[in-house]
């Protein structure tokens, strides 16, 4: 029979038990959720042909084949990835070749996406803005330490200079 001292030596500390349980939950929980969602998610579009679309303007004959292939590819992607909707625009040499909305802008009400539909980008806009600013800096059209008011006259004048470097680093206050 073990006395109190020996039993205390063999006991696993609580923090180790909690850590092991947490790791186990992650190892089992994430794949489990993926399986659950995969089995219970109802596809919005059972096949590519069922994806609704709204196209603006006529397609020039020389681009008709490419646009047909692009439409088929986009419809397949929307159905396969179970996307609610996308808006596509393709231009060549300054000419708009193809503009089409595919799928739903609002799934509940069945409103179809149009080429004019504006999507909320959320956090993705930060990456796009960073890439655009980086390109403009490389071209010498923007400078990291210039006051932002030089390029954005509507930006309110502050007691201190606000630079592009501060804005991009989220340190402008």
C-alpha atoms as a PDB file:
ATOM      1  CA  UNK A   1       0.000   0.000   0.000  1.00  0.00           C
ATOM      2  CA  UNK A   2       1.297   3.476  -0.912  1.00  0.00           C
ATOM      3  CA  UNK A   3       1.444   6.100   1.739  1.00  0.00           C
ATOM      4  CA  UNK A   4       0.682   9.816   1.086  1.00  0.00           C
ATOM      5  CA  UNK A   5       4.298  10.717   0.231  1.00  0.00           C
ATOM      6  CA  UNK A   6       4.720   8.042  -2.438  1.00  0.00           C
ATOM      7  CA  UNK A   7       1.322   8.810  -3.954  1.00  0.00           C
ATOM      8  CA  UNK A   8       2.233  12.513  -4.269  1.00  0.00           C
ATOM      9  CA  UNK A   9       5.461  11.620  -6.075  1.00  0.00           C
ATOM     10  CA  UNK A  10       3.589   9.547  -8.673  1.00  0.00           C
ATOM     11  CA  UNK A  11       0.872  12.137  -9.365  1.00  0.00           C
ATOM     12  CA  UNK A  12       1.098  13.994 -12.722  1.00  0.00           C
ATOM     13  CA  UNK A  13       1.140  17.778 -12.280  1.00  0.00           C
ATOM     14  CA  UNK A  14      -2.109  19.516 -13.316  1.00  0.00           C
ATOM     15  CA  UNK A  15      -0.408  21.765 -15.865  1.00  0.00           C
ATOM     16  CA  UNK A  16       0.939  18.708 -17.720  1.00  0.00           C
ATOM     17  CA  UNK A  17      -2.541  17.168 -17.846  1.00  0.00           C
ATOM     18  CA  UNK A  18      -4.024  20.432 -19.162  1.00  0.00           C
ATOM     19  CA  UNK A  19      -1.260  20.769 -21.789  1.00  0.00           C
ATOM     20  CA  UNK A  20      -1.731  17.184 -22.994  1.00  0.00           C
ATOM     21  CA  UNK A  21      -5.516  17.602 -23.130  1.00  0.00           C
ATOM     22  CA  UNK A  22      -5.118  20.835 -25.134  1.00  0.00           C
ATOM     23  CA  UNK A  23      -2.789  19.195 -27.653  1.00  0.00           C
ATOM     24  CA  UNK A  24      -5.135  16.212 -27.931  1.00  0.00           C
ATOM     25  CA  UNK A  25      -8.100  18.504 -28.530  1.00  0.00           C
ATOM     26  CA  UNK A  26      -6.258  20.288 -31.347  1.00  0.00           C
ATOM     27  CA  UNK A  27      -5.052  17.025 -32.915  1.00  0.00           C
ATOM     28  CA  UNK A  28      -8.533  15.493 -32.855  1.00  0.00           C
ATOM     29  CA  UNK A  29     -10.698  18.647 -33.037  1.00  0.00           C
ATOM     30  CA  UNK A  30      -9.414  20.273 -36.212  1.00  0.00           C
ATOM     31  CA  UNK A  31      -9.635  17.168 -38.412  1.00  0.00           C
ATOM     32  CA  UNK A  32     -12.958  16.333 -36.758  1.00  0.00           C
ATOM     33  CA  UNK A  33     -14.407  19.741 -37.636  1.00  0.00           C
ATOM     34  CA  UNK A  34     -13.156  19.422 -41.215  1.00  0.00           C
ATOM     35  CA  UNK A  35     -14.849  16.019 -41.563  1.00  0.00           C
ATOM     36  CA  UNK A  36     -18.072  17.357 -40.009  1.00  0.00           C
ATOM     37  CA  UNK A  37     -18.218  20.374 -42.332  1.00  0.00           C
ATOM     38  CA  UNK A  38     -17.345  18.241 -45.368  1.00  0.00           C
ATOM     39  CA  UNK A  39     -20.144  15.792 -44.630  1.00  0.00           C
ATOM     40  CA  UNK A  40     -22.823  18.316 -43.702  1.00  0.00           C
ATOM     41  CA  UNK A  41     -22.145  21.276 -46.014  1.00  0.00           C
ATOM     42  CA  UNK A  42     -24.738  21.578 -48.747  1.00  0.00           C
ATOM     43  CA  UNK A  43     -23.247  22.668 -52.078  1.00  0.00           C
ATOM     44  CA  UNK A  44     -24.669  25.932 -53.381  1.00  0.00           C
ATOM     45  CA  UNK A  45     -24.353  24.728 -56.957  1.00  0.00           C
ATOM     46  CA  UNK A  46     -24.580  20.993 -57.691  1.00  0.00           C
ATOM     47  CA  UNK A  47     -22.704  21.432 -60.975  1.00  0.00           C
ATOM     48  CA  UNK A  48     -20.994  24.108 -63.053  1.00  0.00           C
ATOM     49  CA  UNK A  49     -23.989  24.539 -65.360  1.00  0.00           C
ATOM     50  CA  UNK A  50     -26.194  25.569 -62.418  1.00  0.00           C
ATOM     51  CA  UNK A  51     -24.048  28.630 -61.552  1.00  0.00           C
ATOM     52  CA  UNK A  52     -26.038  31.724 -62.582  1.00  0.00           C
ATOM     53  CA  UNK A  53     -24.240  34.513 -64.408  1.00  0.00           C
ATOM     54  CA  UNK A  54     -24.757  38.060 -65.630  1.00  0.00           C
ATOM     55  CA  UNK A  55     -22.496  39.243 -68.447  1.00  0.00           C
ATOM     56  CA  UNK A  56     -22.207  42.850 -69.632  1.00  0.00           C
ATOM     57  CA  UNK A  57     -21.585  43.761 -73.237  1.00  0.00           C
ATOM     58  CA  UNK A  58     -20.936  41.640 -76.274  1.00  0.00           C
ATOM     59  CA  UNK A  59     -17.713  39.695 -76.611  1.00  0.00           C
ATOM     60  CA  UNK A  60     -15.605  40.492 -79.668  1.00  0.00           C
ATOM     61  CA  UNK A  61     -15.464  37.544 -82.048  1.00  0.00           C
ATOM     62  CA  UNK A  62     -11.695  37.225 -81.792  1.00  0.00           C
ATOM     63  CA  UNK A  63     -11.994  36.676 -78.009  1.00  0.00           C
ATOM     64  CA  UNK A  64     -15.097  34.454 -78.065  1.00  0.00           C
ATOM     65  CA  UNK A  65     -13.209  31.148 -77.703  1.00  0.00           C
ATOM     66  CA  UNK A  66     -11.028  32.375 -74.852  1.00  0.00           C
ATOM     67  CA  UNK A  67     -14.016  33.864 -73.041  1.00  0.00           C
ATOM     68  CA  UNK A  68     -15.979  30.598 -73.422  1.00  0.00           C
ATOM     69  CA  UNK A  69     -13.068  28.658 -71.879  1.00  0.00           C
ATOM     70  CA  UNK A  70     -12.731  31.255 -69.124  1.00  0.00           C
ATOM     71  CA  UNK A  71     -16.468  31.128 -68.351  1.00  0.00           C
ATOM     72  CA  UNK A  72     -16.389  27.335 -68.132  1.00  0.00           C
ATOM     73  CA  UNK A  73     -13.308  27.425 -65.879  1.00  0.00           C
ATOM     74  CA  UNK A  74     -14.826  30.035 -63.555  1.00  0.00           C
ATOM     75  CA  UNK A  75     -18.160  28.194 -63.320  1.00  0.00           C
ATOM     76  CA  UNK A  76     -16.334  24.961 -62.474  1.00  0.00           C
ATOM     77  CA  UNK A  77     -14.260  26.747 -59.824  1.00  0.00           C
ATOM     78  CA  UNK A  78     -17.317  28.349 -58.207  1.00  0.00           C
ATOM     79  CA  UNK A  79     -19.154  24.996 -58.053  1.00  0.00           C
ATOM     80  CA  UNK A  80     -16.106  22.955 -56.984  1.00  0.00           C
ATOM     81  CA  UNK A  81     -15.007  25.358 -54.223  1.00  0.00           C
ATOM     82  CA  UNK A  82     -18.615  26.027 -53.132  1.00  0.00           C
ATOM     83  CA  UNK A  83     -18.104  29.764 -53.509  1.00  0.00           C
ATOM     84  CA  UNK A  84     -21.181  31.964 -53.204  1.00  0.00           C
ATOM     85  CA  UNK A  85     -20.125  34.237 -56.066  1.00  0.00           C
ATOM     86  CA  UNK A  86     -17.347  35.982 -57.981  1.00  0.00           C
ATOM     87  CA  UNK A  87     -16.996  38.880 -60.364  1.00  0.00           C
ATOM     88  CA  UNK A  88     -14.576  38.538 -63.267  1.00  0.00           C
ATOM     89  CA  UNK A  89     -13.192  41.175 -65.601  1.00  0.00           C
ATOM     90  CA  UNK A  90     -10.540  40.623 -68.258  1.00  0.00           C
ATOM     91  CA  UNK A  91      -8.920  43.349 -70.314  1.00  0.00           C
ATOM     92  CA  UNK A  92      -6.372  43.267 -73.104  1.00  0.00           C
ATOM     93  CA  UNK A  93      -4.488  46.366 -74.196  1.00  0.00           C
ATOM     94  CA  UNK A  94      -6.849  48.734 -72.461  1.00  0.00           C
ATOM     95  CA  UNK A  95      -9.929  47.062 -73.987  1.00  0.00           C
ATOM     96  CA  UNK A  96     -12.478  45.306 -71.764  1.00  0.00           C
ATOM     97  CA  UNK A  97     -12.788  41.823 -73.238  1.00  0.00           C
ATOM     98  CA  UNK A  98     -15.051  40.102 -70.723  1.00  0.00           C
ATOM     99  CA  UNK A  99     -16.948  41.149 -67.583  1.00  0.00           C
ATOM    100  CA  UNK A 100     -19.292  38.764 -65.806  1.00  0.00           C
ATOM    101  CA  UNK A 101     -20.708  38.076 -62.370  1.00  0.00           C
ATOM    102  CA  UNK A 102     -21.145  34.426 -61.422  1.00  0.00           C
ATOM    103  CA  UNK A 103     -23.066  33.018 -58.471  1.00  0.00           C
ATOM    104  CA  UNK A 104     -24.864  34.875 -55.705  1.00  0.00           C
ATOM    105  CA  UNK A 105     -24.144  38.238 -54.116  1.00  0.00           C
ATOM    106  CA  UNK A 106     -26.689  37.299 -51.430  1.00  0.00           C
ATOM    107  CA  UNK A 107     -27.342  33.585 -51.038  1.00  0.00           C
ATOM    108  CA  UNK A 108     -30.467  33.970 -48.884  1.00  0.00           C
ATOM    109  CA  UNK A 109     -32.319  36.280 -51.253  1.00  0.00           C
ATOM    110  CA  UNK A 110     -30.862  34.763 -54.438  1.00  0.00           C
ATOM    111  CA  UNK A 111     -29.464  38.073 -55.745  1.00  0.00           C
ATOM    112  CA  UNK A 112     -27.042  37.234 -58.559  1.00  0.00           C
ATOM    113  CA  UNK A 113     -23.598  38.846 -58.772  1.00  0.00           C
ATOM    114  CA  UNK A 114     -23.192  41.346 -61.605  1.00  0.00           C
ATOM    115  CA  UNK A 115     -19.942  42.719 -63.038  1.00  0.00           C
ATOM    116  CA  UNK A 116     -20.693  45.991 -61.215  1.00  0.00           C
ATOM    117  CA  UNK A 117     -21.025  44.298 -57.820  1.00  0.00           C
ATOM    118  CA  UNK A 118     -18.624  45.572 -55.171  1.00  0.00           C
ATOM    119  CA  UNK A 119     -17.305  43.033 -52.698  1.00  0.00           C
ATOM    120  CA  UNK A 120     -16.067  43.916 -49.222  1.00  0.00           C
ATOM    121  CA  UNK A 121     -12.433  42.856 -49.169  1.00  0.00           C
ATOM    122  CA  UNK A 122     -11.822  43.286 -45.452  1.00  0.00           C
ATOM    123  CA  UNK A 123      -8.300  42.398 -44.368  1.00  0.00           C
ATOM    124  CA  UNK A 124      -7.260  41.397 -47.906  1.00  0.00           C
ATOM    125  CA  UNK A 125      -7.230  45.094 -48.815  1.00  0.00           C
ATOM    126  CA  UNK A 126      -4.161  45.585 -46.601  1.00  0.00           C
ATOM    127  CA  UNK A 127      -2.098  43.209 -48.729  1.00  0.00           C
ATOM    128  CA  UNK A 128      -3.317  44.841 -51.942  1.00  0.00           C
ATOM    129  CA  UNK A 129      -2.568  48.332 -50.607  1.00  0.00           C
ATOM    130  CA  UNK A 130       0.893  47.259 -49.434  1.00  0.00           C
ATOM    131  CA  UNK A 131       1.725  45.817 -52.842  1.00  0.00           C
ATOM    132  CA  UNK A 132       0.515  48.972 -54.623  1.00  0.00           C
ATOM    133  CA  UNK A 133       2.438  51.288 -52.285  1.00  0.00           C
ATOM    134  CA  UNK A 134       5.588  49.166 -52.636  1.00  0.00           C
ATOM    135  CA  UNK A 135       5.344  49.391 -56.396  1.00  0.00           C
ATOM    136  CA  UNK A 136       4.855  53.192 -56.313  1.00  0.00           C
ATOM    137  CA  UNK A 137       7.844  53.576 -53.985  1.00  0.00           C
ATOM    138  CA  UNK A 138       9.998  51.441 -56.324  1.00  0.00           C
ATOM    139  CA  UNK A 139       8.940  53.646 -59.255  1.00  0.00           C
ATOM    140  CA  UNK A 140       9.876  56.771 -57.264  1.00  0.00           C
ATOM    141  CA  UNK A 141       6.308  58.118 -57.337  1.00  0.00           C
ATOM    142  CA  UNK A 142       6.017  57.931 -53.531  1.00  0.00           C
ATOM    143  CA  UNK A 143       8.610  58.429 -50.811  1.00  0.00           C
ATOM    144  CA  UNK A 144       8.546  56.735 -47.424  1.00  0.00           C
ATOM    145  CA  UNK A 145       9.271  59.921 -45.493  1.00  0.00           C
ATOM    146  CA  UNK A 146       7.132  62.382 -47.447  1.00  0.00           C
ATOM    147  CA  UNK A 147       4.134  63.878 -45.714  1.00  0.00           C
ATOM    148  CA  UNK A 148       0.985  62.104 -46.837  1.00  0.00           C
ATOM    149  CA  UNK A 149      -0.728  65.451 -47.481  1.00  0.00           C
ATOM    150  CA  UNK A 150       1.553  65.923 -50.505  1.00  0.00           C
ATOM    151  CA  UNK A 151      -0.251  63.096 -52.312  1.00  0.00           C
ATOM    152  CA  UNK A 152      -3.626  63.228 -50.542  1.00  0.00           C
ATOM    153  CA  UNK A 153      -4.584  66.904 -50.261  1.00  0.00           C
ATOM    154  CA  UNK A 154      -7.846  66.008 -48.493  1.00  0.00           C
ATOM    155  CA  UNK A 155      -5.891  64.456 -45.614  1.00  0.00           C
ATOM    156  CA  UNK A 156      -6.404  66.752 -42.604  1.00  0.00           C
ATOM    157  CA  UNK A 157      -3.405  68.846 -41.549  1.00  0.00           C
ATOM    158  CA  UNK A 158      -1.945  67.648 -38.237  1.00  0.00           C
ATOM    159  CA  UNK A 159       0.284  69.286 -35.625  1.00  0.00           C
ATOM    160  CA  UNK A 160       2.979  66.808 -36.608  1.00  0.00           C
ATOM    161  CA  UNK A 161       3.953  65.384 -40.003  1.00  0.00           C
ATOM    162  CA  UNK A 162       2.286  62.102 -40.943  1.00  0.00           C
ATOM    163  CA  UNK A 163       4.410  60.119 -43.380  1.00  0.00           C
ATOM    164  CA  UNK A 164       3.753  57.168 -45.640  1.00  0.00           C
ATOM    165  CA  UNK A 165       6.165  55.118 -43.513  1.00  0.00           C
ATOM    166  CA  UNK A 166       4.049  55.799 -40.416  1.00  0.00           C
ATOM    167  CA  UNK A 167       0.787  55.001 -42.177  1.00  0.00           C
ATOM    168  CA  UNK A 168       2.070  51.747 -43.620  1.00  0.00           C
ATOM    169  CA  UNK A 169       3.551  50.743 -40.262  1.00  0.00           C
ATOM    170  CA  UNK A 170       0.337  51.664 -38.412  1.00  0.00           C
ATOM    171  CA  UNK A 171       2.304  54.078 -36.208  1.00  0.00           C
ATOM    172  CA  UNK A 172       0.809  57.372 -37.396  1.00  0.00           C
ATOM    173  CA  UNK A 173      -1.442  57.722 -34.352  1.00  0.00           C
END
